[in-house]
Protein backbone atom coordinates (compact mmCIF):
# COMPACT_ATOMS: atom_id res chain seq x y z
CA MET A 1 -16.40 -10.88 -6.77
CA LEU A 2 -13.77 -12.05 -5.30
CA THR A 3 -14.79 -13.04 -1.51
CA VAL A 4 -12.36 -14.06 1.58
CA THR A 5 -14.28 -15.10 4.71
CA GLY A 6 -12.30 -15.90 8.19
CA ALA A 7 -9.34 -16.89 6.24
CA THR A 8 -6.62 -18.46 8.65
CA VAL A 9 -2.93 -19.51 7.70
CA LEU A 10 -0.50 -21.34 10.67
CA PHE A 11 2.91 -21.87 10.33
CA GLY A 12 3.57 -23.79 13.70
CA ARG A 13 3.32 -21.37 16.27
CA VAL A 14 2.88 -18.33 14.32
CA THR A 15 -0.01 -17.41 12.89
CA ALA A 16 0.45 -15.62 9.38
CA LEU A 17 -3.59 -14.71 8.45
CA ASP A 18 -5.88 -14.58 11.45
CA GLY A 19 -9.35 -14.48 10.42
CA VAL A 20 -9.38 -12.29 7.16
CA ASP A 21 -12.52 -11.10 5.48
CA LEU A 22 -11.99 -8.94 2.42
CA GLU A 23 -14.34 -8.78 -0.88
CA VAL A 24 -13.48 -7.46 -3.80
CA ALA A 25 -15.49 -6.26 -6.94
CA THR A 26 -15.41 -6.95 -10.06
CA GLY A 27 -13.24 -4.77 -12.40
CA GLU A 28 -12.12 -2.88 -8.74
CA VAL A 29 -8.57 -2.68 -7.71
CA VAL A 30 -7.67 -3.06 -4.23
CA ALA A 31 -4.20 -2.93 -2.98
CA ILE A 32 -2.71 -4.58 0.14
CA LEU A 33 -0.89 -2.73 1.90
CA GLY A 34 2.01 -3.10 4.57
CA PRO A 35 4.96 -4.04 6.14
CA SER A 36 7.15 -6.98 5.94
CA GLY A 37 6.05 -10.22 7.63
CA CYS A 38 2.43 -8.78 8.23
CA GLY A 39 0.62 -11.22 6.06
CA LYS A 40 -0.33 -9.51 2.94
CA SER A 41 2.12 -12.05 0.17
CA THR A 42 0.27 -14.76 2.14
CA LEU A 43 -3.07 -13.48 1.92
CA LEU A 44 -2.26 -13.36 -1.75
CA ARG A 45 -0.96 -17.29 -2.00
CA ALA A 46 -4.14 -18.16 -0.05
CA VAL A 47 -6.07 -16.99 -2.77
CA ALA A 48 -4.35 -17.94 -5.38
CA GLY A 49 -3.97 -21.22 -3.98
CA LEU A 50 -0.63 -21.85 -3.33
CA GLN A 51 -1.00 -21.44 0.08
CA PRO A 52 -3.66 -23.78 2.06
CA LEU A 53 -6.34 -22.39 4.99
CA ASP A 54 -6.17 -24.23 7.94
CA SER A 55 -9.69 -22.01 8.15
CA GLY A 56 -11.66 -20.24 5.71
CA GLU A 57 -12.85 -19.99 2.70
CA VAL A 58 -11.48 -18.32 -0.80
CA ARG A 59 -15.03 -18.03 -3.57
CA TRP A 60 -15.36 -16.36 -7.09
CA ASN A 61 -18.89 -15.63 -7.39
CA GLY A 62 -19.82 -17.27 -4.80
CA GLU A 63 -18.19 -20.64 -5.74
CA ASP A 64 -15.38 -22.25 -3.24
CA LEU A 65 -12.48 -22.96 -4.94
CA ALA A 66 -11.17 -25.29 -2.18
CA GLY A 67 -11.48 -27.63 -4.65
CA LEU A 68 -9.91 -26.11 -7.66
CA PRO A 69 -6.59 -26.29 -8.47
CA VAL A 70 -4.19 -23.15 -9.11
CA HIS A 71 -4.05 -23.63 -13.08
CA ARG A 72 -7.59 -24.03 -12.95
CA ARG A 73 -8.58 -20.33 -11.46
CA ASP A 74 -7.82 -18.52 -13.67
CA PHE A 75 -6.17 -16.14 -11.99
CA GLY A 76 -3.21 -14.43 -13.26
CA LEU A 77 -0.43 -13.99 -11.15
CA MET A 78 2.65 -11.34 -11.13
CA PHE A 79 5.64 -11.42 -8.65
CA GLN A 80 8.44 -8.77 -7.79
CA GLU A 81 11.14 -11.62 -9.01
CA HIS A 82 9.17 -11.34 -12.96
CA ALA A 83 10.23 -15.32 -12.99
CA LEU A 84 10.98 -15.02 -16.59
CA PHE A 85 12.92 -17.52 -18.51
CA SER A 86 15.76 -16.25 -19.97
CA HIS A 87 16.99 -19.23 -22.49
CA ARG A 88 13.53 -17.57 -24.15
CA ASP A 89 12.30 -14.21 -26.40
CA VAL A 90 9.98 -11.53 -24.71
CA GLU A 91 6.64 -13.79 -27.48
CA ALA A 92 8.00 -17.28 -26.16
CA ASN A 93 7.53 -15.72 -22.16
CA VAL A 94 4.43 -13.81 -22.75
CA ALA A 95 2.82 -16.44 -24.50
CA PHE A 96 3.67 -19.28 -22.51
CA GLY A 97 -0.48 -19.21 -21.03
CA LEU A 98 -1.26 -19.37 -23.59
CA ARG A 99 0.45 -22.54 -24.86
CA MET A 100 -1.07 -24.05 -21.53
CA GLN A 101 -4.43 -22.97 -22.79
CA LYS A 102 -3.55 -24.98 -26.38
CA MET A 103 -4.12 -21.84 -28.17
CA ASP A 104 -3.36 -22.07 -31.23
CA ALA A 105 -0.67 -20.43 -33.23
CA ALA A 106 -2.03 -18.04 -35.32
CA ARG A 107 -4.58 -16.57 -32.26
CA ARG A 108 -1.34 -17.21 -29.60
CA SER A 109 0.84 -15.07 -31.83
CA LEU A 110 -1.92 -11.65 -32.42
CA ARG A 111 -2.82 -11.86 -28.40
CA VAL A 112 0.59 -11.86 -27.44
CA ARG A 113 1.23 -8.46 -30.11
CA GLU A 114 -2.12 -6.90 -28.60
CA VAL A 115 -0.45 -7.44 -24.83
CA LEU A 116 3.13 -5.78 -25.57
CA GLY A 117 0.68 -3.09 -27.31
CA LEU A 118 -1.17 -2.85 -24.09
CA VAL A 119 2.04 -2.78 -22.03
CA GLY A 120 4.02 -0.23 -23.93
CA LEU A 121 6.50 -2.68 -25.54
CA ALA A 122 5.64 -2.99 -29.12
CA GLY A 123 8.23 -3.85 -31.36
CA PHE A 124 9.97 -5.65 -28.58
CA ARG A 125 8.23 -9.69 -29.29
CA GLU A 126 11.85 -10.66 -30.37
CA ARG A 127 14.76 -8.78 -27.60
CA GLN A 128 15.93 -11.68 -25.71
CA ILE A 129 15.11 -11.07 -21.90
CA SER A 130 19.09 -10.10 -20.82
CA THR A 131 18.76 -7.51 -23.19
CA LEU A 132 15.99 -5.79 -21.48
CA SER A 133 16.19 -2.81 -18.46
CA GLY A 134 14.01 -3.67 -15.39
CA GLY A 135 11.65 -1.84 -16.35
CA GLU A 136 11.06 -3.21 -19.43
CA ALA A 137 11.33 -7.08 -17.66
CA GLN A 138 8.62 -5.96 -15.49
CA ARG A 139 5.82 -5.07 -18.46
CA VAL A 140 7.12 -8.62 -19.77
CA ALA A 141 5.81 -10.33 -16.58
CA LEU A 142 2.42 -8.00 -16.47
CA ALA A 143 2.25 -9.16 -20.21
CA ARG A 144 2.76 -12.39 -19.40
CA SER A 145 0.17 -12.17 -16.53
CA LEU A 146 -2.57 -10.74 -18.94
CA ALA A 147 -2.43 -12.42 -22.50
CA PRO A 148 -4.45 -15.59 -20.53
CA GLU A 149 -7.62 -13.07 -19.94
CA PRO A 150 -7.79 -13.57 -16.52
CA ARG A 151 -10.70 -12.81 -13.61
CA LEU A 152 -7.86 -11.99 -11.23
CA LEU A 153 -4.63 -10.41 -11.51
CA MET A 154 -3.32 -10.74 -8.74
CA LEU A 155 0.34 -8.15 -8.50
CA ASP A 156 3.12 -8.90 -5.36
CA GLU A 157 5.65 -5.73 -4.92
CA PRO A 158 5.32 -5.94 -8.80
CA LEU A 159 7.54 -2.89 -8.54
CA GLY A 160 9.70 -3.16 -5.34
CA SER A 161 12.48 -4.42 -7.45
CA LEU A 162 13.12 -0.80 -9.19
CA ASP A 163 14.64 2.53 -7.81
CA ARG A 164 11.83 5.51 -7.13
CA PRO A 165 12.30 7.19 -10.09
CA ARG A 166 11.75 3.78 -12.09
CA ARG A 167 9.02 2.98 -9.99
CA GLU A 168 7.23 6.23 -9.71
CA GLU A 169 6.47 6.52 -13.38
CA LEU A 170 6.39 3.03 -13.70
CA THR A 171 3.16 3.22 -11.29
CA GLU A 172 1.24 5.51 -12.89
CA GLU A 173 1.98 3.94 -16.07
CA LEU A 174 0.01 1.00 -14.18
CA ARG A 175 -2.62 3.42 -13.17
CA HIS A 176 -3.79 3.83 -16.20
CA LEU A 177 -2.96 0.33 -17.78
CA LEU A 178 -5.24 -1.37 -14.95
CA ARG A 179 -8.30 1.50 -14.99
CA GLY A 180 -7.74 0.86 -18.98
CA ILE A 181 -8.91 -2.93 -18.99
CA GLY A 182 -10.95 -2.99 -16.45
CA VAL A 183 -9.54 -6.48 -15.02
CA THR A 184 -9.65 -7.28 -11.17
CA VAL A 185 -6.84 -6.21 -9.23
CA LEU A 186 -5.09 -7.57 -6.04
CA HIS A 187 -1.80 -5.50 -5.58
CA VAL A 188 0.39 -6.10 -2.78
CA THR A 189 2.73 -3.33 -1.98
CA HIS A 190 4.70 -1.65 1.05
CA ASP A 191 4.74 1.40 -0.09
CA HIS A 192 1.67 3.51 -0.03
CA ASP A 193 2.39 6.18 -2.36
CA GLU A 194 1.69 3.54 -4.46
CA ALA A 195 -1.09 1.73 -3.03
CA PHE A 196 -2.81 5.16 -3.29
CA ALA A 197 -1.83 5.52 -6.34
CA VAL A 198 -3.46 2.65 -8.09
CA ALA A 199 -5.72 1.56 -6.05
CA ASP A 200 -9.51 1.68 -5.77
CA ARG A 201 -9.72 0.92 -2.17
CA VAL A 202 -6.98 -0.08 0.53
CA ALA A 203 -6.42 -2.73 3.34
CA VAL A 204 -3.80 -2.32 5.51
CA MET A 205 -2.80 -5.35 7.49
CA GLN A 206 -0.91 -5.19 10.31
CA SER A 207 -0.52 -8.54 12.10
CA GLY A 208 -2.01 -11.19 9.87
CA ARG A 209 -5.00 -9.16 10.07
CA ILE A 210 -6.80 -6.49 8.08
CA ALA A 211 -6.58 -2.85 10.44
CA ARG A 212 -8.46 -0.78 7.89
CA ILE A 213 -9.82 -0.62 4.40
CA GLY A 214 -11.25 2.06 2.37
CA THR A 215 -10.35 4.50 -0.47
CA PRO A 216 -7.06 5.52 -0.22
CA ALA A 217 -8.46 9.03 0.79
CA GLU A 218 -10.37 7.84 4.03
CA ILE A 219 -7.44 5.81 4.92
CA TRP A 220 -4.63 8.84 5.04
CA HIS A 221 -7.42 11.11 6.53
CA ASP A 222 -8.87 8.50 8.47
CA PRO A 223 -6.26 6.19 9.86
CA ARG A 224 -8.36 4.99 13.21
CA HIS A 225 -5.38 3.03 14.35
CA PRO A 226 -2.18 3.75 16.26
CA ALA A 227 -0.10 1.50 13.82
CA VAL A 228 -1.99 1.77 10.60
CA ALA A 229 -0.93 5.83 11.61
CA GLY A 230 2.85 5.25 11.88
CA PHE A 231 3.08 3.04 9.42
CA LEU A 232 1.64 5.87 6.87
CA GLY A 233 3.98 8.17 8.31
CA HIS A 234 2.18 9.97 10.93
CA ALA A 235 4.70 9.98 13.77
CA ASN A 236 2.72 12.68 15.77
CA VAL A 237 0.41 10.04 17.75
CA VAL A 238 0.08 11.28 21.28
CA THR A 239 -2.36 10.56 24.06
CA VAL A 240 -4.81 13.54 25.22
CA GLY A 241 -5.43 14.21 29.41
CA GLU A 242 -8.40 15.77 31.19
CA GLY A 243 -8.95 19.73 29.54
CA GLY A 244 -7.43 18.56 26.04
CA SER A 245 -3.51 18.10 27.72
CA VAL A 246 -0.80 17.03 25.56
CA PRO A 247 3.02 16.85 26.82
CA TRP A 248 3.73 20.08 24.81
CA GLY A 249 0.20 22.01 24.96
CA ARG A 250 -3.63 21.70 25.04
CA LEU A 251 -5.79 20.40 22.30
CA ASN A 252 -9.34 20.89 21.68
CA VAL A 253 -10.23 17.79 21.58
CA ASP A 254 -11.62 15.23 24.37
CA SER A 255 -9.56 12.75 25.50
CA GLY A 256 -8.21 9.98 24.09
CA VAL A 257 -5.76 9.14 21.37
CA VAL A 258 -5.44 11.09 18.83
CA VAL A 259 -3.12 11.35 15.52
CA VAL A 260 -1.83 15.39 15.11
CA ARG A 261 -0.70 15.22 10.69
CA ALA A 262 2.23 16.97 10.07
CA ASP A 263 0.00 19.42 8.30
CA ALA A 264 -1.69 20.88 11.28
CA PHE A 265 0.77 22.97 12.32
CA ARG A 266 0.68 26.94 11.58
CA ARG A 267 3.32 29.24 12.75
CA MET A 268 2.22 32.04 14.72
CA ASP A 269 3.16 34.63 16.68
CA GLY A 270 3.89 34.75 20.59
CA SER A 271 0.59 36.58 21.36
CA SER A 272 -2.01 33.66 21.70
CA ALA A 273 0.47 31.20 22.82
CA ASP A 274 -0.97 30.23 25.78
CA ALA A 275 -4.36 29.21 24.25
CA ASP A 276 -5.62 25.83 23.56
CA GLY A 277 -5.19 24.22 20.06
CA THR A 278 -1.21 25.54 20.61
CA VAL A 279 1.94 24.46 20.79
CA THR A 280 4.95 26.37 22.01
CA ALA A 281 8.23 25.09 22.75
CA THR A 282 12.32 25.99 22.39
CA VAL A 283 13.49 23.51 19.42
CA ALA A 284 16.09 21.18 20.80
CA ASP A 285 17.06 19.93 17.19
CA VAL A 286 15.60 19.76 13.61
CA ARG A 287 16.00 16.88 10.70
CA PHE A 288 15.02 18.50 7.04
CA ARG A 289 13.05 15.72 5.48
CA GLY A 290 12.42 17.33 2.32
CA ASP A 291 8.76 18.18 2.57
CA ARG A 292 8.52 18.40 6.20
CA PHE A 293 10.29 19.12 9.36
CA GLU A 294 11.48 16.41 12.04
CA LEU A 295 11.40 18.32 15.45
CA THR A 296 12.56 18.18 19.29
CA LEU A 297 10.59 20.23 21.11
CA ARG A 298 11.76 21.44 24.11
CA THR A 299 8.77 20.92 27.09
CA ASP A 300 8.84 21.07 30.49
CA PRO A 301 7.63 17.98 30.71
CA GLY A 302 10.38 16.83 28.96
CA ASP A 303 11.68 16.42 25.10
CA VAL A 304 9.30 15.67 22.50
CA GLU A 305 9.54 14.62 18.97
CA LEU A 306 6.71 16.45 16.02
CA GLU A 307 6.94 16.65 12.28
CA VAL A 308 5.57 19.66 10.61
CA ARG A 309 5.14 21.32 7.19
CA ASP A 310 5.86 24.81 7.17
CA PRO A 311 7.23 26.45 4.67
CA ARG A 312 9.84 28.76 7.06
CA PRO A 313 12.66 26.82 8.31
CA ALA A 314 13.36 26.01 12.63
CA THR A 315 16.63 26.58 13.90
CA LYS A 316 18.26 25.30 17.18
CA GLY A 317 16.84 27.38 20.48
CA ASP A 318 14.22 28.80 18.53
CA ARG A 319 11.24 29.40 21.33
CA LEU A 320 8.48 28.75 18.39
CA HIS A 321 5.01 29.48 18.30
CA TYR A 322 2.01 26.84 16.47
CA SER A 323 -1.09 26.59 15.75
CA ILE A 324 -3.24 23.40 15.51
CA ASP A 325 -5.83 22.31 12.94
CA CYS A 326 -7.92 20.36 14.31
CA GLY A 327 -9.53 18.87 11.46
CA ALA A 328 -5.76 17.01 11.29
CA VAL A 329 -6.13 16.24 14.45
CA MET A 330 -7.73 12.19 13.98
CA PRO A 331 -9.21 10.06 17.08
CA VAL A 332 -7.60 6.31 16.67
CA ASP A 333 -8.26 3.26 18.79
CA ALA A 334 -6.59 3.73 22.21
CA SER A 335 -6.63 0.19 22.62
CA ASP A 336 -4.77 -0.16 20.26
CA ALA A 337 -2.18 2.66 21.52
């Protein structure tokens, strides 16, 4: 088990990690999710031993790793940039860590064949790195990380350099691979779809701290913090006044700050337009976003931006009436709003 306690890293006056606590069980896949600059890669480097902590500790099965050099931690690390040796073939790249372990040639060759088969590159041993596609190079880098059989595999934006269709394809392959081999994984990414697809649990980082941790479903349905909700794409973060009042109507909830998911809105006729839990407004602008519409609604207090999932398209000037599913209204911490 990996245990991180109070991990703090300072870069001058900038606090890159601010007292981070994290536990990862043996065999668990945990994604570290967040925007650029939130501290997720710094956390990964600190666990690997590449970034000293200013305070706090990193332990594996209770052993403090502070005095243990990087090459003796038995952790595998894969970066977005691959860092493959372009002048060597696939086999030489995958075998690099095994040579560092002084594994004999016969066992080394057998292990290379094994991990190349795992990542779907059987028969690629003699291929030159320069002849590989981006996806193939990613798989070689992953095979190299897996070859020494690390007790912890750390992936830093492993699919970030790929275009979306290829990234989605490899995300699914990565998910099945990690489940199949049962290795403990820390997976850093800025893409919540990737994190949700791959991980057992997701830790969302904001400003050097873990703002929310839980299963993908828990994170999505209960982000708890406005910043987490916004990062996940929940655009409708509103302050609820007395009596459930919001800028575009009323909600059947107590006062506070809430997230109203885009799938909470249901188109209705105008007969119940003044009921609680409804929105009635004129459409001032419409932007189509594939699985949802971004609407600018003209209300008496002023224009309001909302995201809705509605199979019926709206057009500018429409007078729309929506009911709101209270099950898709999530309270968040008002102190972070």
